[in-house]
Protein backbone atom coordinates (compact mmCIF):
# COMPACT_ATOMS: atom_id res chain seq x y z
CA MET A 1 115.77 139.48 43.39
CA ALA A 2 114.17 137.14 40.79
CA GLU A 3 111.34 138.65 39.85
CA ALA A 4 108.72 135.98 41.18
CA PRO A 5 104.94 137.02 40.55
CA MET A 6 103.92 137.96 44.08
CA SER A 7 101.14 140.36 45.36
CA CYS A 8 98.53 141.24 47.54
CA ASP A 9 95.39 143.48 47.95
CA CYS A 10 93.81 144.82 50.84
CA PHE A 11 90.26 146.41 50.80
CA VAL A 12 88.01 148.93 53.12
CA SER A 13 85.17 150.37 53.08
CA LEU A 14 83.37 152.69 55.70
CA PRO A 15 79.63 154.02 55.44
CA PRO A 16 78.91 155.74 53.23
CA GLY A 17 80.50 153.37 51.13
CA SER A 18 78.95 150.28 52.62
CA LEU A 19 75.34 150.20 51.80
CA ASP A 20 74.72 149.02 55.65
CA ASP A 21 76.30 151.20 58.87
CA HIS A 22 79.09 149.14 58.55
CA VAL A 23 82.81 148.55 57.83
CA ILE A 24 84.07 146.02 55.51
CA PHE A 25 87.35 144.54 55.26
CA GLY A 26 88.33 142.58 52.99
CA LYS A 27 92.34 140.65 52.00
CA ASN A 28 93.91 137.80 49.06
CA SER A 29 96.57 136.67 50.69
CA ASP A 30 98.78 136.40 47.35
CA ARG A 31 101.88 133.22 48.17
CA PRO A 32 103.41 130.43 46.34
CA ARG A 33 101.10 128.20 44.99
CA ASP A 34 102.51 125.33 47.13
CA GLU A 35 102.43 127.33 50.68
CA VAL A 36 99.63 126.00 52.82
CA GLN A 37 97.52 128.54 54.80
CA GLU A 38 95.73 128.06 58.01
CA VAL A 39 92.88 129.39 60.18
CA VAL A 40 93.76 129.60 64.01
CA HIS A 41 92.50 130.89 66.58
CA TYR A 42 94.16 132.00 69.56
CA PRO A 43 92.50 132.86 73.45
CA ALA A 44 92.66 136.03 75.13
CA ALA A 45 96.07 135.30 78.25
CA SER A 46 97.64 136.49 80.72
CA HIS A 47 101.65 136.49 80.88
CA PRO A 48 104.04 137.03 84.00
CA PRO A 49 106.07 140.15 84.15
CA GLY A 50 109.36 139.25 82.13
CA ALA A 51 108.35 137.03 79.63
CA THR A 52 109.12 136.75 76.21
CA LEU A 53 107.56 135.82 72.75
CA GLU A 54 108.91 133.87 70.08
CA CYS A 55 107.84 135.55 67.05
CA THR A 56 109.43 133.69 63.23
CA PHE A 57 112.85 134.32 63.80
CA THR A 58 113.40 136.04 66.74
CA ARG A 59 112.52 137.21 70.35
CA ILE A 60 111.16 140.31 71.72
CA PRO A 61 109.15 140.89 75.26
CA GLN A 62 106.18 140.02 76.02
CA VAL A 63 103.71 141.93 77.38
CA GLU A 64 101.11 141.40 80.15
CA ARG A 65 97.69 140.93 78.45
CA THR A 66 96.83 139.92 74.58
CA HIS A 67 94.03 139.81 73.19
CA ALA A 68 91.84 136.96 71.43
CA VAL A 69 93.33 136.94 67.40
CA ILE A 70 91.90 134.81 64.60
CA LEU A 71 94.72 134.36 62.22
CA SER A 72 94.94 133.35 58.19
CA LYS A 73 98.39 132.14 58.52
CA PRO A 74 101.32 130.47 56.34
CA ALA A 75 101.24 127.59 58.57
CA TRP A 76 105.17 127.11 58.68
CA MET A 77 105.22 130.89 60.53
CA TRP A 78 104.47 132.16 63.65
CA GLY A 79 102.95 135.70 62.14
CA ALA A 80 99.94 136.23 59.97
CA GLU A 81 98.69 136.83 56.53
CA MET A 82 95.48 138.80 57.90
CA GLY A 83 93.72 137.77 60.99
CA ALA A 84 91.23 139.98 63.35
CA ASN A 85 91.22 140.45 67.40
CA ASP A 86 87.66 139.78 69.51
CA GLN A 87 88.30 144.13 69.84
CA GLY A 88 86.73 144.38 66.66
CA VAL A 89 90.28 145.18 65.09
CA CYS A 90 91.76 143.36 61.53
CA ILE A 91 94.75 144.22 59.77
CA GLY A 92 96.25 142.65 56.51
CA ASN A 93 99.35 143.32 55.56
CA GLU A 94 101.34 143.87 52.08
CA ALA A 95 104.70 143.77 50.52
CA VAL A 96 106.74 146.21 49.22
CA TRP A 97 110.35 147.68 48.17
CA THR A 98 111.29 151.01 48.45
CA ARG A 99 114.53 153.33 48.48
CA GLU A 100 115.71 151.69 52.20
CA PRO A 101 117.91 148.93 51.79
CA LEU A 102 116.82 145.48 53.09
CA ALA A 103 118.27 144.38 56.49
CA ALA A 104 120.42 141.69 56.60
CA GLY A 105 119.60 139.26 58.90
CA GLU A 106 116.64 137.66 60.53
CA ALA A 107 114.11 140.39 62.95
CA LEU A 108 110.49 140.83 63.16
CA LEU A 109 108.66 139.82 59.56
CA GLY A 110 105.22 142.41 57.75
CA MET A 111 103.80 138.75 59.04
CA ASP A 112 104.23 139.23 62.95
CA LEU A 113 103.65 142.31 62.80
CA VAL A 114 100.21 141.95 61.76
CA ARG A 115 99.92 139.52 64.50
CA LEU A 116 101.28 141.79 67.14
CA GLY A 117 99.03 144.24 66.07
CA LEU A 118 95.71 142.05 66.57
CA GLU A 119 97.42 140.72 70.15
CA ARG A 120 98.23 144.15 71.90
CA GLY A 121 95.85 146.52 69.96
CA GLY A 122 92.01 147.81 71.61
CA SER A 123 91.74 149.30 68.35
CA ALA A 124 93.33 150.09 65.14
CA CYS A 125 95.02 153.42 66.50
CA ALA A 126 96.19 151.14 69.56
CA ALA A 127 97.45 148.34 66.98
CA LEU A 128 99.63 151.21 64.76
CA ALA A 129 100.93 152.58 67.72
CA VAL A 130 101.96 148.46 68.32
CA ILE A 131 103.56 148.13 64.75
CA THR A 132 105.72 151.74 64.57
CA SER A 133 106.94 150.82 67.93
CA LEU A 134 108.04 147.66 67.95
CA LEU A 135 109.61 148.38 64.17
CA GLU A 136 111.57 151.52 65.42
CA GLN A 137 112.77 149.03 68.33
CA HIS A 138 113.31 145.70 66.67
CA GLY A 139 112.92 146.32 62.26
CA GLN A 140 111.55 144.02 59.78
CA GLY A 141 113.42 141.59 57.81
CA GLY A 142 114.25 137.31 57.08
CA GLN A 143 112.90 135.10 54.94
CA CYS A 144 109.55 135.58 53.66
CA ARG A 145 108.86 132.41 51.83
CA GLU A 146 109.39 128.43 52.74
CA ASP A 147 112.51 128.26 50.65
CA PRO A 148 116.23 128.58 51.41
CA GLU A 149 116.89 130.95 48.46
CA PRO A 150 116.48 134.39 50.27
CA PHE A 151 113.17 136.42 49.55
CA SER A 152 112.50 139.76 51.93
CA TYR A 153 111.00 142.74 51.55
CA HIS A 154 108.85 145.84 53.80
CA ASN A 155 105.86 146.40 54.22
CA THR A 156 102.77 148.41 54.55
CA PHE A 157 99.28 147.72 56.21
CA LEU A 158 95.80 148.26 56.12
CA LEU A 159 94.10 148.70 59.78
CA VAL A 160 90.50 148.76 60.17
CA ASP A 161 87.95 148.90 63.03
CA ARG A 162 84.61 150.20 63.53
CA SER A 163 85.04 153.07 63.17
CA GLU A 164 87.95 153.80 60.97
CA ALA A 165 90.73 153.01 59.24
CA TRP A 166 94.96 153.33 59.02
CA VAL A 167 96.99 152.98 56.08
CA LEU A 168 100.66 152.15 57.30
CA GLU A 169 103.03 152.20 55.32
CA THR A 170 107.15 151.11 55.97
CA ALA A 171 110.57 152.05 54.59
CA GLY A 172 112.64 150.32 57.07
CA LYS A 173 112.36 151.47 60.60
CA LEU A 174 110.64 154.45 58.83
CA TRP A 175 107.45 154.83 58.32
CA ALA A 176 104.51 157.37 57.50
CA ALA A 177 100.23 156.88 58.38
CA GLN A 178 97.15 157.58 56.93
CA ARG A 179 93.59 157.50 58.72
CA VAL A 180 90.27 156.53 56.44
CA SER A 181 87.48 158.20 58.64
CA GLU A 182 84.72 157.32 55.42
CA GLY A 183 83.90 156.37 51.62
CA VAL A 184 86.53 153.54 50.34
CA ARG A 185 90.17 152.90 50.59
CA ASN A 186 92.76 149.93 49.00
CA ILE A 187 96.20 149.18 49.02
CA SER A 188 99.00 147.27 46.85
CA ASN A 189 102.02 146.26 46.70
CA GLN A 190 103.01 150.25 46.59
CA LEU A 191 103.80 153.12 48.95
CA SER A 192 100.68 155.22 48.12
CA ILE A 193 100.56 157.23 50.94
CA GLY A 194 101.54 161.39 49.15
CA ALA A 195 101.44 164.58 51.18
CA GLU A 196 98.42 163.27 53.15
CA LEU A 197 100.10 162.19 55.98
CA THR A 198 97.92 162.11 59.27
CA ALA A 199 101.16 160.88 60.91
CA GLU A 200 105.00 159.94 60.55
CA HIS A 201 107.86 158.41 62.00
CA PRO A 202 110.11 161.65 63.83
CA GLU A 203 112.96 160.98 61.76
CA LEU A 204 110.71 160.72 58.59
CA ARG A 205 111.86 163.78 56.39
CA GLY A 206 115.39 164.36 57.75
CA ALA A 207 115.98 161.06 56.35
CA ALA A 208 113.92 161.45 53.12
CA ARG A 209 116.68 164.87 53.15
CA ALA A 210 119.81 162.77 53.99
CA ARG A 211 119.01 160.61 51.46
CA GLY A 212 119.04 163.44 48.91
CA CYS A 213 115.20 162.16 48.64
CA TRP A 214 113.95 165.54 49.02
CA ASP A 215 115.54 169.20 49.23
CA GLY A 216 113.43 169.91 52.68
CA GLU A 217 111.34 173.11 50.65
CA GLY A 218 108.66 171.39 48.81
CA GLN A 219 105.86 169.46 49.45
CA PHE A 220 106.49 166.35 51.11
CA SER A 221 105.18 163.38 49.37
CA PHE A 222 105.98 160.36 51.21
CA SER A 223 105.43 157.60 48.33
CA GLN A 224 107.76 160.18 45.69
CA ALA A 225 110.68 160.45 48.71
CA PHE A 226 110.89 156.65 49.18
CA SER A 227 109.59 154.47 46.19
CA PRO A 228 112.72 152.80 44.80
CA GLU A 229 113.47 154.86 41.59
CA GLU A 230 114.11 151.66 39.32
CA PRO A 231 111.07 148.98 40.85
CA PRO A 232 111.17 145.66 40.47
CA ALA A 233 108.65 144.10 38.30
CA ARG A 234 105.90 142.94 40.65
CA MET A 235 105.52 146.68 41.91
CA GLU A 236 105.21 148.33 38.38
CA LEU A 237 102.38 145.39 37.53
CA ALA A 238 101.14 146.24 41.21
CA LYS A 239 99.71 149.84 39.47
CA GLN A 240 97.63 148.05 37.43
CA ARG A 241 95.78 145.98 40.26
CA TYR A 242 95.87 148.93 42.55
CA HIS A 243 93.92 150.78 39.86
CA ALA A 244 91.38 148.02 39.44
CA GLY A 245 90.66 147.73 42.55
CA ALA A 246 90.01 151.17 43.49
CA ALA A 247 87.99 151.23 39.94
CA LEU A 248 85.87 148.29 41.77
CA LEU A 249 85.50 149.85 44.10
CA ARG A 250 83.96 153.43 43.44
CA GLN A 251 82.20 150.99 40.91
CA HIS A 252 79.94 149.79 44.32
CA GLN A 253 79.98 152.83 45.75
CA GLY A 254 77.40 153.13 48.23
CA ARG A 255 76.54 149.38 48.02
CA ILE A 256 79.23 147.50 49.61
CA THR A 257 77.97 144.53 51.27
CA ALA A 258 80.44 141.38 52.53
CA GLU A 259 78.94 139.82 49.12
CA VAL A 260 80.38 142.65 46.94
CA MET A 261 83.64 142.61 48.98
CA MET A 262 83.48 138.49 47.90
CA SER A 263 83.27 139.20 44.78
CA ILE A 264 85.45 142.12 43.88
CA LEU A 265 88.19 139.32 46.41
CA ARG A 266 86.99 136.68 43.08
CA ASP A 267 87.75 139.26 40.29
CA LYS A 268 90.27 137.38 38.44
CA PRO A 269 89.98 139.57 34.99
CA SER A 270 91.73 142.51 37.26
CA GLY A 271 94.36 140.17 39.15
CA ILE A 272 93.75 140.50 42.12
CA CYS A 273 92.26 137.29 42.24
CA MET A 274 95.76 136.17 41.78
CA ASP A 275 96.13 132.42 39.40
CA SER A 276 100.07 133.25 37.88
CA GLY A 277 102.46 131.10 37.46
CA ASN A 278 104.32 130.02 40.81
CA PHE A 279 102.38 131.92 43.07
CA CYS A 280 98.08 132.11 43.43
CA THR A 281 95.22 133.72 46.03
CA THR A 282 96.37 131.18 48.94
CA GLY A 283 94.02 132.39 51.27
CA SER A 284 90.82 135.00 51.68
CA MET A 285 89.18 137.21 54.29
CA VAL A 286 86.10 139.23 54.33
CA SER A 287 84.98 140.98 58.03
CA VAL A 288 81.95 142.52 58.77
CA LEU A 289 82.22 145.32 61.47
CA PRO A 290 78.83 147.04 62.71
CA ARG A 291 79.37 150.38 63.59
CA ASP A 292 76.61 149.60 66.40
CA SER A 293 79.37 147.78 68.84
CA SER A 294 75.96 146.03 70.60
CA LEU A 295 76.02 143.67 67.07
CA PRO A 296 79.37 141.24 66.87
CA CYS A 297 81.56 141.73 64.47
CA ILE A 298 81.29 138.37 62.07
CA HIS A 299 84.99 137.19 60.26
CA PHE A 300 84.64 134.67 56.87
CA PHE A 301 87.78 132.66 55.47
CA THR A 302 88.77 130.62 52.75
CA ALA A 303 91.43 128.50 54.14
CA THR A 304 91.85 126.98 51.07
CA PRO A 305 93.27 128.58 47.98
CA ASP A 306 91.26 130.31 44.95
CA PRO A 307 88.60 132.31 46.24
CA SER A 308 86.68 131.80 42.82
CA ARG A 309 86.36 127.99 44.29
CA SER A 310 86.40 128.43 47.59
CA ILE A 311 83.24 129.41 50.44
CA PHE A 312 84.42 131.61 52.76
CA LYS A 313 83.38 130.19 56.33
CA PRO A 314 81.95 132.66 59.40
CA PHE A 315 83.53 133.11 62.71
CA VAL A 316 82.61 135.07 65.38
CA PHE A 317 84.54 135.73 69.06
CA SER A 318 82.55 133.53 72.08
CA ASP A 319 83.17 132.87 75.18
CA CYS A 320 82.87 129.28 73.96
CA SER A 321 85.45 129.79 71.05
CA THR A 322 87.26 126.66 69.96
CA PRO A 323 89.71 125.67 67.47
CA VAL A 324 88.37 124.34 64.24
CA LEU A 325 90.84 121.44 63.78
CA ARG A 326 90.26 121.01 59.87
CA VAL A 327 92.14 124.32 58.89
CA VAL A 328 94.59 123.91 61.53
CA SER A 329 98.13 122.41 60.18
CA PRO A 330 100.24 119.42 61.08
CA ARG A 331 102.87 120.67 64.13
CA PHE A 332 106.47 119.58 63.98
CA GLY A 333 108.35 120.86 66.82
CA PRO A 334 111.98 121.52 67.44
CA ASP A 335 112.15 119.75 63.63
CA ASP A 336 110.63 121.70 61.79
CA PRO A 337 112.88 122.94 59.11
CA ALA A 338 111.66 126.26 59.67
CA LYS A 339 113.08 126.01 62.33
CA THR A 340 116.57 124.50 62.63
CA GLN A 341 119.34 126.17 61.90
CA PRO A 342 119.99 126.55 58.45
CA ARG A 343 117.10 126.82 57.16
CA PHE A 344 113.96 125.54 54.73
CA GLN A 345 116.77 122.81 53.85
CA SER A 346 114.04 120.60 53.56
CA LYS A 347 109.70 120.14 52.95
CA VAL A 348 107.19 118.76 55.31
CA ASP A 349 103.52 118.57 54.45
CA ARG A 350 101.50 121.05 56.03
CA ARG A 351 98.40 120.53 54.82
CA HIS A 352 95.07 120.77 56.87
CA GLU A 353 92.22 118.28 56.41
CA LEU A 354 89.96 120.92 54.07
CA TYR A 355 93.44 122.15 51.92
CA LYS A 356 93.76 118.33 51.27
CA ALA A 357 89.69 117.83 50.60
CA HIS A 358 89.63 121.02 48.33
CA GLN A 359 92.27 119.76 46.67
CA VAL A 360 90.10 116.50 45.57
CA ALA A 361 87.13 118.93 44.95
CA LEU A 362 89.22 120.90 42.43
CA GLY A 363 90.67 117.51 40.29
CA THR A 364 86.79 116.07 40.60
CA MET A 365 85.65 119.81 38.67
CA GLU A 366 88.61 119.62 36.21
CA THR A 367 88.55 115.97 35.22
CA ASN A 368 84.41 115.69 35.83
CA PRO A 369 82.87 119.83 35.13
CA VAL A 370 79.96 118.73 34.14
CA GLY A 371 77.06 117.26 37.08
CA THR A 372 75.32 114.77 37.27
CA ASP A 373 72.14 116.66 36.63
CA GLY A 374 73.59 118.18 33.62
CA ARG A 375 74.74 121.35 35.08
CA PRO A 376 77.94 122.57 35.42
CA ARG A 377 79.65 122.72 38.80
CA THR A 378 80.11 125.77 41.09
CA TRP A 379 81.72 127.02 44.06
CA VAL A 380 78.96 130.05 44.71
């Protein structure tokens, strides 16, 4: 497995960690540098009995009713890196590698599970049940980037709503979950749930004992039992980002707002705002979920790479929400190289209008860093 630097970071602040009576969610999606991330709105929908759903690589049964969602997603796949639904649920995922072997063949991607959790889950806890059920039924696996070179991983998730958050970590079809009811929490590219499990796969401990990861007598720790004995370099580097992210949350404890969360996502010294080799932060999201259900949730997306040089644009669900076509990538139908077999044998231009405009602006800033007023050009 190539040791490409790949990472993501998810954050949540619940009162009293937040300045106001709000839950604040944030995520940076770190992906291949040339991958385009679009922001797409899908309305709530009803589906006929027996309907099926085509995900990125596999087809599964559809449910009767799906929620409206707003997604930040790699343009080539069905699933999403992060997003929200009209019920006030936000989800983001992270890549991890575990002692469980990666499944051969194609199954549900972790990004598919993010979207499915949002479309089918009316709360963070309900979305957790959706994802774990689908994981047990269909498994996880398949190519995770738009390239013929094999690259796959397991997933962790941060699921958030107006009242609580859940950390869900997986190893193959096995999983463990931890409820967070107050304060701050972050996840990165590593297993972080120790002995403080709130819920787990019914066969989790038996599987750990059968694999020799746990003796069945001492305290059970999910991260100790299922973290790889020789973790990839990217997981070791993730520890530094994880601790740096936790430190930034503690630094702002009790004062966290959307603006503070954006500043954390823009932090380059920690590596949270990534710019390394062929990988960078290709999309970012911050959501404000008021505890008061009479107030709307507000979701901010960049739809462009590098949050330190991007503007967070707001989105609010309403009865008249319409697609913003400037942040939607072109479609290529059945000839899309992500759909034809063998996959990823060629590349297509998936850049949307805002992405192209952002590239032009970046070029202007790099060639002309000083504006006509004599002051440095800036994004924020």
